[in-house]
Amino acid sequence: MEKILEVNDLHVTFSTYGGTVKAVRGVNFHLNKGETLAIVGESGCGKSVTSNAIMRLIPDPPGKISNGTITFNGKDLTSLPEKEMRSIRGFDISMIFQDPMTALNPTLTIGTQLVEGLRQHYNTSSTDAKAKAIEMMDLVGIPNPDERLKQYPHQFSGGMRQRIVIAMALICEPDLLIADEPTTALDVTIQAQILELFDRIQQQMGVSIILITHDLGVVAKIADRIAVMYAGKIIEVGSRREIFYNPEHPYTKGLLKSVPRLDLQGEKLIPIDGTPPDLFSPPAGCPFTARCPFAMEVCDKVYPDQTELSDSHKVDCWLQDERAKQLLASTATK
């Protein structure tokens, strides 16, 4: 399949009074054209920082992309001048931010905010811009779009505001859409509607999507592949079926056990004990060692090599490393 985005050895750091926070530590992944990739993990694992790095929205100072490349349609975004990057944001790559209320300006009408990106990137008339805005509002399921263009954000519900933000991101018909926690603070019914909307938009527009969330239940329906992130690293990646039915990293298994299931009535949820490591001074080995029930002595000292379980399924875990398997086998025979 054709790759639209490749992220190689991405490192993002933040300089603070207390030291340097290594928020993203050697992240590698790719996104195929027309695919939905979900990046999941606990809060603070580096998901949003990774997405902001792709958009080159890391505030400098205190943050910076200290190493790595982000290749989009053959261009390395990390080396582009800011002027060229501004022409890509909103046009080739769009982003849906976490909170639609803060993403929308409360003092401007919805119509004004919708056409802003269109007028920025295209030399279009106000009549054509308004027609495109109405078309996008209709696409995302907002009734009476002609009248609602004149209204302000406070006149819309939370779910409708999220639909407006999606329409803003899609109005220039980008190749890549990054959705950062698009269902946060929405009730489950609205969440389902928003996810169905993403599915429909992808089918109609062919846009590639990176969906960022801490909730595995959100991605169960629409993700083609899932990347599991922990302590600034992607520790397991695979197809939706591989991650849900054959998870190999203990952290991925822990995430799945903490998700409520309707087919297991009366079963208790099993939380992941402990807390994530301090990214001021991250561990040399596997960052999940302190919380892992299967940790071995080597886990804390050396980070494991990536093990390829299939063409699409890869995991960073000593339990799958052939060297550790041989060591365990030799120990068991003594």
C-alpha atoms as a PDB file:
ATOM      1  CA  MET A   1       0.000   0.000   0.000  1.00  0.00           C
ATOM      2  CA  GLU A   2       1.077   3.584  -0.634  1.00  0.00           C
ATOM      3  CA  LYS A   3       2.433   5.316   2.464  1.00  0.00           C
ATOM      4  CA  ILE A   4       1.255   8.878   3.005  1.00  0.00           C
ATOM      5  CA  LEU A   5       3.136   9.472   6.269  1.00  0.00           C
ATOM      6  CA  GLU A   6       6.299   8.010   7.801  1.00  0.00           C
ATOM      7  CA  VAL A   7       7.608   8.935  11.255  1.00  0.00           C
ATOM      8  CA  ASN A   8      11.150   7.726  11.961  1.00  0.00           C
ATOM      9  CA  ASP A   9      13.006   7.906  15.298  1.00  0.00           C
ATOM     10  CA  LEU A  10      11.016  10.945  16.485  1.00  0.00           C
ATOM     11  CA  HIS A  11      12.238  12.567  19.703  1.00  0.00           C
ATOM     12  CA  VAL A  12      10.493  15.549  21.334  1.00  0.00           C
ATOM     13  CA  THR A  13      11.836  17.200  24.479  1.00  0.00           C
ATOM     14  CA  PHE A  14      10.710  20.043  26.743  1.00  0.00           C
ATOM     15  CA  SER A  15      13.151  22.158  28.746  1.00  0.00           C
ATOM     16  CA  THR A  16      11.819  23.093  32.203  1.00  0.00           C
ATOM     17  CA  TYR A  17      13.223  24.492  35.451  1.00  0.00           C
ATOM     18  CA  GLY A  18      13.285  20.948  36.792  1.00  0.00           C
ATOM     19  CA  GLY A  19      15.184  19.518  33.827  1.00  0.00           C
ATOM     20  CA  THR A  20      14.478  18.142  30.360  1.00  0.00           C
ATOM     21  CA  VAL A  21      11.304  16.126  29.836  1.00  0.00           C
ATOM     22  CA  LYS A  22      11.760  13.430  27.186  1.00  0.00           C
ATOM     23  CA  ALA A  23       8.125  13.328  26.107  1.00  0.00           C
ATOM     24  CA  VAL A  24       8.575  11.326  22.881  1.00  0.00           C
ATOM     25  CA  ARG A  25      11.473   8.890  22.669  1.00  0.00           C
ATOM     26  CA  GLY A  26      12.217   7.302  19.306  1.00  0.00           C
ATOM     27  CA  VAL A  27       8.731   6.849  17.880  1.00  0.00           C
ATOM     28  CA  ASN A  28       8.407   4.993  14.563  1.00  0.00           C
ATOM     29  CA  PHE A  29       5.225   4.389  12.589  1.00  0.00           C
ATOM     30  CA  HIS A  30       3.668   4.877   9.167  1.00  0.00           C
ATOM     31  CA  LEU A  31       0.218   5.590   7.780  1.00  0.00           C
ATOM     32  CA  ASN A  32      -1.087   4.185   4.509  1.00  0.00           C
ATOM     33  CA  LYS A  33      -3.277   6.115   2.126  1.00  0.00           C
ATOM     34  CA  GLY A  34      -6.972   5.835   3.042  1.00  0.00           C
ATOM     35  CA  GLU A  35      -6.178   4.063   6.333  1.00  0.00           C
ATOM     36  CA  THR A  36      -7.209   4.790   9.914  1.00  0.00           C
ATOM     37  CA  LEU A  37      -4.416   4.402  12.466  1.00  0.00           C
ATOM     38  CA  ALA A  38      -5.336   4.658  16.141  1.00  0.00           C
ATOM     39  CA  ILE A  39      -2.689   5.691  18.678  1.00  0.00           C
ATOM     40  CA  VAL A  40      -3.807   4.613  22.150  1.00  0.00           C
ATOM     41  CA  GLY A  41      -2.350   4.850  25.629  1.00  0.00           C
ATOM     42  CA  GLU A  42      -2.692   6.447  29.054  1.00  0.00           C
ATOM     43  CA  SER A  43      -2.750  10.201  29.540  1.00  0.00           C
ATOM     44  CA  GLY A  44       0.780  11.605  29.436  1.00  0.00           C
ATOM     45  CA  CYS A  45       2.240   8.856  27.240  1.00  0.00           C
ATOM     46  CA  GLY A  46       3.056  11.244  24.374  1.00  0.00           C
ATOM     47  CA  LYS A  47       0.118  10.790  21.991  1.00  0.00           C
ATOM     48  CA  SER A  48      -0.835  14.465  21.661  1.00  0.00           C
ATOM     49  CA  VAL A  49       2.813  15.573  21.584  1.00  0.00           C
ATOM     50  CA  THR A  50       3.377  13.216  18.645  1.00  0.00           C
ATOM     51  CA  SER A  51       0.391  14.641  16.764  1.00  0.00           C
ATOM     52  CA  ASN A  52       1.478  18.219  17.470  1.00  0.00           C
ATOM     53  CA  ALA A  53       4.961  17.347  16.211  1.00  0.00           C
ATOM     54  CA  ILE A  54       3.490  16.159  12.910  1.00  0.00           C
ATOM     55  CA  MET A  55       1.739  19.520  12.586  1.00  0.00           C
ATOM     56  CA  ARG A  56       4.907  21.333  13.761  1.00  0.00           C
ATOM     57  CA  LEU A  57       2.906  22.894  16.602  1.00  0.00           C
ATOM     58  CA  ILE A  58       5.397  22.131  19.389  1.00  0.00           C
ATOM     59  CA  PRO A  59       5.948  25.490  21.187  1.00  0.00           C
ATOM     60  CA  ASP A  60       9.619  26.448  20.911  1.00  0.00           C
ATOM     61  CA  PRO A  61      10.697  27.233  23.598  1.00  0.00           C
ATOM     62  CA  PRO A  62      10.271  25.162  25.735  1.00  0.00           C
ATOM     63  CA  GLY A  63       9.725  22.247  23.351  1.00  0.00           C
ATOM     64  CA  LYS A  64      11.593  21.062  20.286  1.00  0.00           C
ATOM     65  CA  ILE A  65      11.859  18.155  17.900  1.00  0.00           C
ATOM     66  CA  SER A  66      15.336  17.042  18.926  1.00  0.00           C
ATOM     67  CA  ASN A  67      15.707  14.175  16.462  1.00  0.00           C
ATOM     68  CA  GLY A  68      13.936  12.205  13.755  1.00  0.00           C
ATOM     69  CA  THR A  69      12.079  12.767  10.503  1.00  0.00           C
ATOM     70  CA  ILE A  70       8.396  13.173   9.620  1.00  0.00           C
ATOM     71  CA  THR A  71       7.909  12.443   5.920  1.00  0.00           C
ATOM     72  CA  PHE A  72       4.560  13.447   4.410  1.00  0.00           C
ATOM     73  CA  ASN A  73       4.002  12.848   0.679  1.00  0.00           C
ATOM     74  CA  GLY A  74       7.770  12.762   0.173  1.00  0.00           C
ATOM     75  CA  LYS A  75       8.515  15.945   2.164  1.00  0.00           C
ATOM     76  CA  ASP A  76      10.347  15.982   5.492  1.00  0.00           C
ATOM     77  CA  LEU A  77       8.158  18.267   7.598  1.00  0.00           C
ATOM     78  CA  THR A  78      10.865  18.753  10.241  1.00  0.00           C
ATOM     79  CA  SER A  79      13.087  20.642   7.791  1.00  0.00           C
ATOM     80  CA  LEU A  80      10.462  22.811   6.066  1.00  0.00           C
ATOM     81  CA  PRO A  81      10.492  26.591   6.651  1.00  0.00           C
ATOM     82  CA  GLU A  82       7.531  27.888   8.670  1.00  0.00           C
ATOM     83  CA  LYS A  83       6.017  29.670   5.656  1.00  0.00           C
ATOM     84  CA  GLU A  84       5.775  26.422   3.705  1.00  0.00           C
ATOM     85  CA  MET A  85       4.496  24.589   6.761  1.00  0.00           C
ATOM     86  CA  ARG A  86       1.653  27.113   7.099  1.00  0.00           C
ATOM     87  CA  SER A  87       0.581  26.289   3.546  1.00  0.00           C
ATOM     88  CA  ILE A  88       0.354  22.588   4.522  1.00  0.00           C
ATOM     89  CA  ARG A  89      -1.552  23.032   7.802  1.00  0.00           C
ATOM     90  CA  GLY A  90      -5.289  22.990   7.205  1.00  0.00           C
ATOM     91  CA  PHE A  91      -4.802  22.254   3.510  1.00  0.00           C
ATOM     92  CA  ASP A  92      -2.878  18.969   3.237  1.00  0.00           C
ATOM     93  CA  ILE A  93      -2.969  18.055   6.948  1.00  0.00           C
ATOM     94  CA  SER A  94      -5.781  19.086   9.293  1.00  0.00           C
ATOM     95  CA  MET A  95      -6.226  18.515  12.994  1.00  0.00           C
ATOM     96  CA  ILE A  96      -9.220  18.200  15.285  1.00  0.00           C
ATOM     97  CA  PHE A  97      -8.230  19.335  18.770  1.00  0.00           C
ATOM     98  CA  GLN A  98      -9.472  17.821  22.031  1.00  0.00           C
ATOM     99  CA  ASP A  99     -11.935  20.451  23.237  1.00  0.00           C
ATOM    100  CA  PRO A 100     -14.254  21.915  20.573  1.00  0.00           C
ATOM    101  CA  MET A 101     -15.222  24.811  22.820  1.00  0.00           C
ATOM    102  CA  THR A 102     -11.636  26.053  23.040  1.00  0.00           C
ATOM    103  CA  ALA A 103     -11.037  25.321  19.345  1.00  0.00           C
ATOM    104  CA  LEU A 104     -13.880  27.685  18.379  1.00  0.00           C
ATOM    105  CA  ASN A 105     -13.794  31.454  18.849  1.00  0.00           C
ATOM    106  CA  PRO A 106     -16.851  32.429  20.948  1.00  0.00           C
ATOM    107  CA  THR A 107     -16.919  35.945  19.439  1.00  0.00           C
ATOM    108  CA  LEU A 108     -17.200  34.883  15.771  1.00  0.00           C
ATOM    109  CA  THR A 109     -20.066  33.214  13.946  1.00  0.00           C
ATOM    110  CA  ILE A 110     -19.719  29.608  12.855  1.00  0.00           C
ATOM    111  CA  GLY A 111     -19.817  30.703   9.202  1.00  0.00           C
ATOM    112  CA  THR A 112     -16.888  33.096   9.652  1.00  0.00           C
ATOM    113  CA  GLN A 113     -14.788  30.421  11.305  1.00  0.00           C
ATOM    114  CA  LEU A 114     -15.666  27.740   8.766  1.00  0.00           C
ATOM    115  CA  VAL A 115     -14.624  29.759   5.717  1.00  0.00           C
ATOM    116  CA  GLU A 116     -11.446  31.173   7.281  1.00  0.00           C
ATOM    117  CA  GLY A 117      -9.277  28.246   6.190  1.00  0.00           C
ATOM    118  CA  LEU A 118     -10.914  28.146   2.784  1.00  0.00           C
ATOM    119  CA  ARG A 119     -10.218  31.830   2.160  1.00  0.00           C
ATOM    120  CA  GLN A 120      -6.667  31.391   3.449  1.00  0.00           C
ATOM    121  CA  HIS A 121      -5.722  28.587   1.061  1.00  0.00           C
ATOM    122  CA  TYR A 122      -7.946  29.303  -1.949  1.00  0.00           C
ATOM    123  CA  ASN A 123      -8.660  32.486  -3.882  1.00  0.00           C
ATOM    124  CA  THR A 124     -12.417  31.993  -3.633  1.00  0.00           C
ATOM    125  CA  SER A 125     -15.358  34.376  -3.481  1.00  0.00           C
ATOM    126  CA  SER A 126     -17.463  34.791  -0.357  1.00  0.00           C
ATOM    127  CA  THR A 127     -20.435  33.240  -2.193  1.00  0.00           C
ATOM    128  CA  ASP A 128     -18.462  30.121  -3.139  1.00  0.00           C
ATOM    129  CA  ALA A 129     -16.955  29.920   0.347  1.00  0.00           C
ATOM    130  CA  LYS A 130     -20.410  30.061   1.929  1.00  0.00           C
ATOM    131  CA  ALA A 131     -21.674  27.351  -0.420  1.00  0.00           C
ATOM    132  CA  LYS A 132     -18.739  25.116   0.532  1.00  0.00           C
ATOM    133  CA  ALA A 133     -19.369  25.766   4.239  1.00  0.00           C
ATOM    134  CA  ILE A 134     -23.029  24.756   3.837  1.00  0.00           C
ATOM    135  CA  GLU A 135     -21.929  21.618   1.977  1.00  0.00           C
ATOM    136  CA  MET A 136     -19.534  20.645   4.789  1.00  0.00           C
ATOM    137  CA  MET A 137     -22.112  21.299   7.521  1.00  0.00           C
ATOM    138  CA  ASP A 138     -24.529  19.082   5.643  1.00  0.00           C
ATOM    139  CA  LEU A 139     -21.836  16.391   5.332  1.00  0.00           C
ATOM    140  CA  VAL A 140     -21.253  16.307   9.098  1.00  0.00           C
ATOM    141  CA  GLY A 141     -24.988  16.135   9.807  1.00  0.00           C
ATOM    142  CA  ILE A 142     -25.908  19.632  11.013  1.00  0.00           C
ATOM    143  CA  PRO A 143     -29.543  20.495  10.096  1.00  0.00           C
ATOM    144  CA  ASN A 144     -30.515  23.865   8.562  1.00  0.00           C
ATOM    145  CA  PRO A 145     -26.885  24.766   7.732  1.00  0.00           C
ATOM    146  CA  ASP A 146     -27.836  28.012   5.963  1.00  0.00           C
ATOM    147  CA  GLU A 147     -29.334  29.422   9.169  1.00  0.00           C
ATOM    148  CA  ARG A 148     -26.834  27.906  11.582  1.00  0.00           C
ATOM    149  CA  LEU A 149     -23.909  29.572   9.807  1.00  0.00           C
ATOM    150  CA  LYS A 150     -25.080  32.830  11.385  1.00  0.00           C
ATOM    151  CA  GLN A 151     -25.041  31.441  14.930  1.00  0.00           C
ATOM    152  CA  TYR A 152     -22.298  31.442  17.567  1.00  0.00           C
ATOM    153  CA  PRO A 153     -20.607  28.444  19.272  1.00  0.00           C
ATOM    154  CA  HIS A 154     -22.581  28.833  22.516  1.00  0.00           C
ATOM    155  CA  GLN A 155     -25.785  28.192  20.544  1.00  0.00           C
ATOM    156  CA  PHE A 156     -24.640  24.653  19.710  1.00  0.00           C
ATOM    157  CA  SER A 157     -24.533  21.530  21.886  1.00  0.00           C
ATOM    158  CA  GLY A 158     -21.234  19.783  22.638  1.00  0.00           C
ATOM    159  CA  GLY A 159     -21.824  17.164  19.951  1.00  0.00           C
ATOM    160  CA  MET A 160     -22.764  19.805  17.372  1.00  0.00           C
ATOM    161  CA  ARG A 161     -19.659  21.856  18.224  1.00  0.00           C
ATOM    162  CA  GLN A 162     -17.539  18.775  17.638  1.00  0.00           C
ATOM    163  CA  ARG A 163     -19.198  18.344  14.235  1.00  0.00           C
ATOM    164  CA  ILE A 164     -18.390  21.990  13.420  1.00  0.00           C
ATOM    165  CA  VAL A 165     -14.724  21.422  14.302  1.00  0.00           C
ATOM    166  CA  ILE A 166     -14.705  18.333  12.041  1.00  0.00           C
ATOM    167  CA  ALA A 167     -16.245  20.393   9.219  1.00  0.00           C
ATOM    168  CA  MET A 168     -13.559  23.081   9.713  1.00  0.00           C
ATOM    169  CA  ALA A 169     -10.829  20.441   9.474  1.00  0.00           C
ATOM    170  CA  LEU A 170     -12.279  18.920   6.307  1.00  0.00           C
ATOM    171  CA  ILE A 171     -13.335  22.027   4.382  1.00  0.00           C
ATOM    172  CA  CYS A 172     -10.067  22.157   2.375  1.00  0.00           C
ATOM    173  CA  GLU A 173     -10.296  18.392   1.707  1.00  0.00           C
ATOM    174  CA  PRO A 174      -6.947  17.405   3.301  1.00  0.00           C
ATOM    175  CA  ASP A 175      -5.086  14.171   2.603  1.00  0.00           C
ATOM    176  CA  LEU A 176      -4.479  13.550   6.318  1.00  0.00           C
ATOM    177  CA  LEU A 177      -6.780  14.205   9.267  1.00  0.00           C
ATOM    178  CA  ILE A 178      -5.443  14.002  12.834  1.00  0.00           C
ATOM    179  CA  ALA A 179      -8.204  13.627  15.436  1.00  0.00           C
ATOM    180  CA  ASP A 180      -6.943  14.197  18.984  1.00  0.00           C
ATOM    181  CA  GLU A 181      -9.419  12.711  21.487  1.00  0.00           C
ATOM    182  CA  PRO A 182     -12.417  13.691  19.308  1.00  0.00           C
ATOM    183  CA  THR A 183     -14.964  12.033  21.618  1.00  0.00           C
ATOM    184  CA  THR A 184     -13.685  13.338  24.967  1.00  0.00           C
ATOM    185  CA  ALA A 185     -16.436  14.798  27.216  1.00  0.00           C
ATOM    186  CA  LEU A 186     -19.200  13.491  24.925  1.00  0.00           C
ATOM    187  CA  ASP A 187     -21.787  10.997  26.132  1.00  0.00           C
ATOM    188  CA  VAL A 188     -21.678   7.488  24.669  1.00  0.00           C
ATOM    189  CA  THR A 189     -24.541   8.085  22.222  1.00  0.00           C
ATOM    190  CA  ILE A 190     -22.845  11.139  20.724  1.00  0.00           C
ATOM    191  CA  GLN A 191     -19.512   9.287  20.731  1.00  0.00           C
ATOM    192  CA  ALA A 192     -21.023   6.574  18.564  1.00  0.00           C
ATOM    193  CA  GLN A 193     -22.434   9.182  16.164  1.00  0.00           C
ATOM    194  CA  ILE A 194     -19.068  10.946  15.845  1.00  0.00           C
ATOM    195  CA  LEU A 195     -17.262   7.653  15.156  1.00  0.00           C
ATOM    196  CA  GLU A 196     -19.848   6.718  12.520  1.00  0.00           C
ATOM    197  CA  LEU A 197     -19.285  10.156  11.013  1.00  0.00           C
ATOM    198  CA  PHE A 198     -15.541   9.504  10.731  1.00  0.00           C
ATOM    199  CA  ASP A 199     -16.248   6.200   9.014  1.00  0.00           C
ATOM    200  CA  ARG A 200     -18.619   7.840   6.529  1.00  0.00           C
ATOM    201  CA  ILE A 201     -16.245  10.744   5.824  1.00  0.00           C
ATOM    202  CA  GLN A 202     -13.381   8.366   5.090  1.00  0.00           C
ATOM    203  CA  GLN A 203     -15.498   6.398   2.647  1.00  0.00           C
ATOM    204  CA  GLN A 204     -16.696   9.545   0.873  1.00  0.00           C
ATOM    205  CA  MET A 205     -13.456  11.568   0.857  1.00  0.00           C
ATOM    206  CA  GLY A 206     -10.732   8.895   1.055  1.00  0.00           C
ATOM    207  CA  VAL A 207      -8.898  10.838   3.763  1.00  0.00           C
ATOM    208  CA  SER A 208      -6.248   9.096   5.881  1.00  0.00           C
ATOM    209  CA  ILE A 209      -6.934   9.393   9.622  1.00  0.00           C
ATOM    210  CA  ILE A 210      -4.790   9.278  12.758  1.00  0.00           C
ATOM    211  CA  LEU A 211      -7.134   8.807  15.707  1.00  0.00           C
ATOM    212  CA  ILE A 212      -5.656   9.566  19.124  1.00  0.00           C
ATOM    213  CA  THR A 213      -7.431   8.244  22.203  1.00  0.00           C
ATOM    214  CA  HIS A 214      -6.926   6.614  25.601  1.00  0.00           C
ATOM    215  CA  ASP A 215     -10.052   4.476  25.112  1.00  0.00           C
ATOM    216  CA  LEU A 216      -9.617   1.190  23.239  1.00  0.00           C
ATOM    217  CA  GLY A 217     -13.391   0.885  23.009  1.00  0.00           C
ATOM    218  CA  VAL A 218     -13.491   3.965  20.780  1.00  0.00           C
ATOM    219  CA  VAL A 219     -11.217   2.414  18.141  1.00  0.00           C
ATOM    220  CA  ALA A 220     -12.721  -1.075  18.114  1.00  0.00           C
ATOM    221  CA  LYS A 221     -14.948  -0.294  15.148  1.00  0.00           C
ATOM    222  CA  ILE A 222     -13.130   2.137  12.877  1.00  0.00           C
ATOM    223  CA  ALA A 223      -9.349   1.590  13.253  1.00  0.00           C
ATOM    224  CA  ASP A 224      -7.517  -0.456  10.618  1.00  0.00           C
ATOM    225  CA  ARG A 225      -4.334  -0.591  12.697  1.00  0.00           C
ATOM    226  CA  ILE A 226      -3.580   0.271  16.319  1.00  0.00           C
ATOM    227  CA  ALA A 227      -0.339   1.598  17.818  1.00  0.00           C
ATOM    228  CA  VAL A 228      -0.056   1.276  21.601  1.00  0.00           C
ATOM    229  CA  MET A 229       2.037   4.022  23.199  1.00  0.00           C
ATOM    230  CA  TYR A 230       3.615   4.090  26.640  1.00  0.00           C
ATOM    231  CA  ALA A 231       6.122   6.494  28.234  1.00  0.00           C
ATOM    232  CA  GLY A 232       6.969   8.187  24.949  1.00  0.00           C
ATOM    233  CA  LYS A 233       7.427   4.976  22.952  1.00  0.00           C
ATOM    234  CA  ILE A 234       5.231   2.879  20.675  1.00  0.00           C
ATOM    235  CA  ILE A 235       5.548  -0.533  22.294  1.00  0.00           C
ATOM    236  CA  GLU A 236       3.155  -2.567  20.113  1.00  0.00           C
ATOM    237  CA  VAL A 237       1.535  -2.056  16.733  1.00  0.00           C
ATOM    238  CA  GLY A 238      -0.734  -4.312  14.741  1.00  0.00           C
ATOM    239  CA  SER A 239      -4.005  -4.687  12.935  1.00  0.00           C
ATOM    240  CA  ARG A 240      -7.204  -4.209  14.890  1.00  0.00           C
ATOM    241  CA  ARG A 241      -7.734  -7.974  15.068  1.00  0.00           C
ATOM    242  CA  GLU A 242      -4.150  -8.646  16.183  1.00  0.00           C
ATOM    243  CA  ILE A 243      -4.271  -6.083  18.991  1.00  0.00           C
ATOM    244  CA  PHE A 244      -7.706  -7.081  20.292  1.00  0.00           C
ATOM    245  CA  TYR A 245      -7.419 -10.865  19.916  1.00  0.00           C
ATOM    246  CA  ASN A 246      -3.659 -11.533  20.122  1.00  0.00           C
ATOM    247  CA  PRO A 247      -2.044  -8.784  22.217  1.00  0.00           C
ATOM    248  CA  GLU A 248       1.519  -9.619  23.178  1.00  0.00           C
ATOM    249  CA  HIS A 249       2.783  -6.740  25.315  1.00  0.00           C
ATOM    250  CA  PRO A 250       1.721  -6.919  28.993  1.00  0.00           C
ATOM    251  CA  TYR A 251       0.694  -3.256  28.864  1.00  0.00           C
ATOM    252  CA  THR A 252      -1.624  -3.868  25.899  1.00  0.00           C
ATOM    253  CA  LYS A 253      -3.144  -6.824  27.747  1.00  0.00           C
ATOM    254  CA  GLY A 254      -3.614  -4.615  30.814  1.00  0.00           C
ATOM    255  CA  LEU A 255      -5.399  -1.946  28.774  1.00  0.00           C
ATOM    256  CA  LEU A 256      -7.781  -4.522  27.328  1.00  0.00           C
ATOM    257  CA  LYS A 257      -8.543  -6.002  30.756  1.00  0.00           C
ATOM    258  CA  SER A 258      -9.459  -2.548  32.064  1.00  0.00           C
ATOM    259  CA  VAL A 259     -12.125  -1.996  29.357  1.00  0.00           C
ATOM    260  CA  PRO A 260     -15.709  -2.867  30.429  1.00  0.00           C
ATOM    261  CA  ARG A 261     -17.255  -5.705  28.408  1.00  0.00           C
ATOM    262  CA  LEU A 262     -20.957  -6.439  28.047  1.00  0.00           C
ATOM    263  CA  ASP A 263     -20.324 -10.166  27.498  1.00  0.00           C
ATOM    264  CA  LEU A 264     -18.657 -10.576  30.919  1.00  0.00           C
ATOM    265  CA  GLN A 265     -21.343  -9.680  33.427  1.00  0.00           C
ATOM    266  CA  GLY A 266     -20.273  -9.688  37.060  1.00  0.00           C
ATOM    267  CA  GLU A 267     -16.566  -9.712  36.209  1.00  0.00           C
ATOM    268  CA  LYS A 268     -14.381  -7.139  37.958  1.00  0.00           C
ATOM    269  CA  LEU A 269     -12.224  -4.745  35.950  1.00  0.00           C
ATOM    270  CA  ILE A 270      -8.523  -5.334  36.507  1.00  0.00           C
ATOM    271  CA  PRO A 271      -6.581  -2.068  36.800  1.00  0.00           C
ATOM    272  CA  ILE A 272      -2.916  -1.684  35.929  1.00  0.00           C
ATOM    273  CA  ASP A 273      -1.131  -1.199  39.257  1.00  0.00           C
ATOM    274  CA  GLY A 274       1.507   1.484  39.690  1.00  0.00           C
ATOM    275  CA  THR A 275       2.233   4.692  37.796  1.00  0.00           C
ATOM    276  CA  PRO A 276       4.104   5.553  34.566  1.00  0.00           C
ATOM    277  CA  PRO A 277       7.836   6.333  34.859  1.00  0.00           C
ATOM    278  CA  ASP A 278       9.278   9.812  35.345  1.00  0.00           C
ATOM    279  CA  LEU A 279      10.169  11.136  31.889  1.00  0.00           C
ATOM    280  CA  PHE A 280      12.684  13.570  33.385  1.00  0.00           C
ATOM    281  CA  SER A 281      14.831  10.472  33.809  1.00  0.00           C
ATOM    282  CA  PRO A 282      13.259   7.580  31.869  1.00  0.00           C
ATOM    283  CA  PRO A 283      14.513   4.042  32.519  1.00  0.00           C
ATOM    284  CA  ALA A 284      17.200   2.519  30.314  1.00  0.00           C
ATOM    285  CA  GLY A 285      15.178  -0.662  29.823  1.00  0.00           C
ATOM    286  CA  CYS A 286      11.494  -1.293  29.199  1.00  0.00           C
ATOM    287  CA  PRO A 287       9.509   1.579  30.775  1.00  0.00           C
ATOM    288  CA  PHE A 288       6.742  -0.810  31.852  1.00  0.00           C
ATOM    289  CA  THR A 289       9.062  -2.976  33.966  1.00  0.00           C
ATOM    290  CA  ALA A 290       8.001  -1.562  37.365  1.00  0.00           C
ATOM    291  CA  ARG A 291       4.321  -2.327  36.627  1.00  0.00           C
ATOM    292  CA  CYS A 292       4.780  -5.570  34.709  1.00  0.00           C
ATOM    293  CA  PRO A 293       3.822  -8.865  36.438  1.00  0.00           C
ATOM    294  CA  PHE A 294       6.143 -10.775  34.070  1.00  0.00           C
ATOM    295  CA  ALA A 295       9.252  -8.578  34.400  1.00  0.00           C
ATOM    296  CA  MET A 296      12.661 -10.239  34.283  1.00  0.00           C
ATOM    297  CA  GLU A 297      16.019  -8.916  35.444  1.00  0.00           C
ATOM    298  CA  VAL A 298      17.032  -7.898  31.931  1.00  0.00           C
ATOM    299  CA  CYS A 299      13.869  -5.828  31.388  1.00  0.00           C
ATOM    300  CA  ASP A 300      15.020  -3.037  33.682  1.00  0.00           C
ATOM    301  CA  LYS A 301      18.511  -2.796  32.179  1.00  0.00           C
ATOM    302  CA  VAL A 302      18.184  -2.987  28.388  1.00  0.00           C
ATOM    303  CA  TYR A 303      15.365  -1.903  26.080  1.00  0.00           C
ATOM    304  CA  PRO A 304      14.185  -4.892  24.003  1.00  0.00           C
ATOM    305  CA  ASP A 305      14.591  -5.104  20.242  1.00  0.00           C
ATOM    306  CA  GLN A 306      11.428  -4.980  18.185  1.00  0.00           C
ATOM    307  CA  THR A 307      10.041  -8.443  17.478  1.00  0.00           C
ATOM    308  CA  GLU A 308       8.086  -8.971  14.240  1.00  0.00           C
ATOM    309  CA  LEU A 309       5.254 -11.388  14.905  1.00  0.00           C
ATOM    310  CA  SER A 310       3.767 -10.874  11.420  1.00  0.00           C
ATOM    311  CA  ASP A 311       4.044  -8.376   8.573  1.00  0.00           C
ATOM    312  CA  SER A 312       1.790  -5.985  10.491  1.00  0.00           C
ATOM    313  CA  HIS A 313       2.214  -7.052  14.139  1.00  0.00           C
ATOM    314  CA  LYS A 314       5.334  -5.825  15.979  1.00  0.00           C
ATOM    315  CA  VAL A 315       6.090  -5.617  19.698  1.00  0.00           C
ATOM    316  CA  ASP A 316       8.882  -4.284  21.921  1.00  0.00           C
ATOM    317  CA  CYS A 317       8.957  -6.830  24.748  1.00  0.00           C
ATOM    318  CA  TRP A 318      11.586  -9.154  26.214  1.00  0.00           C
ATOM    319  CA  LEU A 319       8.941 -11.872  26.552  1.00  0.00           C
ATOM    320  CA  GLN A 320       8.898 -12.154  22.745  1.00  0.00           C
ATOM    321  CA  ASP A 321      12.653 -11.729  22.250  1.00  0.00           C
ATOM    322  CA  GLU A 322      14.373 -14.963  21.187  1.00  0.00           C
ATOM    323  CA  ARG A 323      17.357 -14.228  23.460  1.00  0.00           C
ATOM    324  CA  ALA A 324      15.102 -14.101  26.532  1.00  0.00           C
ATOM    325  CA  LYS A 325      13.208 -17.220  25.442  1.00  0.00           C
ATOM    326  CA  GLN A 326      16.483 -19.138  25.157  1.00  0.00           C
ATOM    327  CA  LEU A 327      17.600 -17.862  28.565  1.00  0.00           C
ATOM    328  CA  LEU A 328      14.310 -18.908  30.186  1.00  0.00           C
ATOM    329  CA  ALA A 329      14.488 -22.329  28.514  1.00  0.00           C
ATOM    330  CA  SER A 330      18.050 -22.926  29.722  1.00  0.00           C
ATOM    331  CA  THR A 331      17.114 -21.831  33.251  1.00  0.00           C
ATOM    332  CA  ALA A 332      14.106 -24.164  33.303  1.00  0.00           C
ATOM    333  CA  THR A 333      16.241 -27.196  32.375  1.00  0.00           C
ATOM    334  CA  LYS A 334      18.757 -26.654  35.197  1.00  0.00           C
END
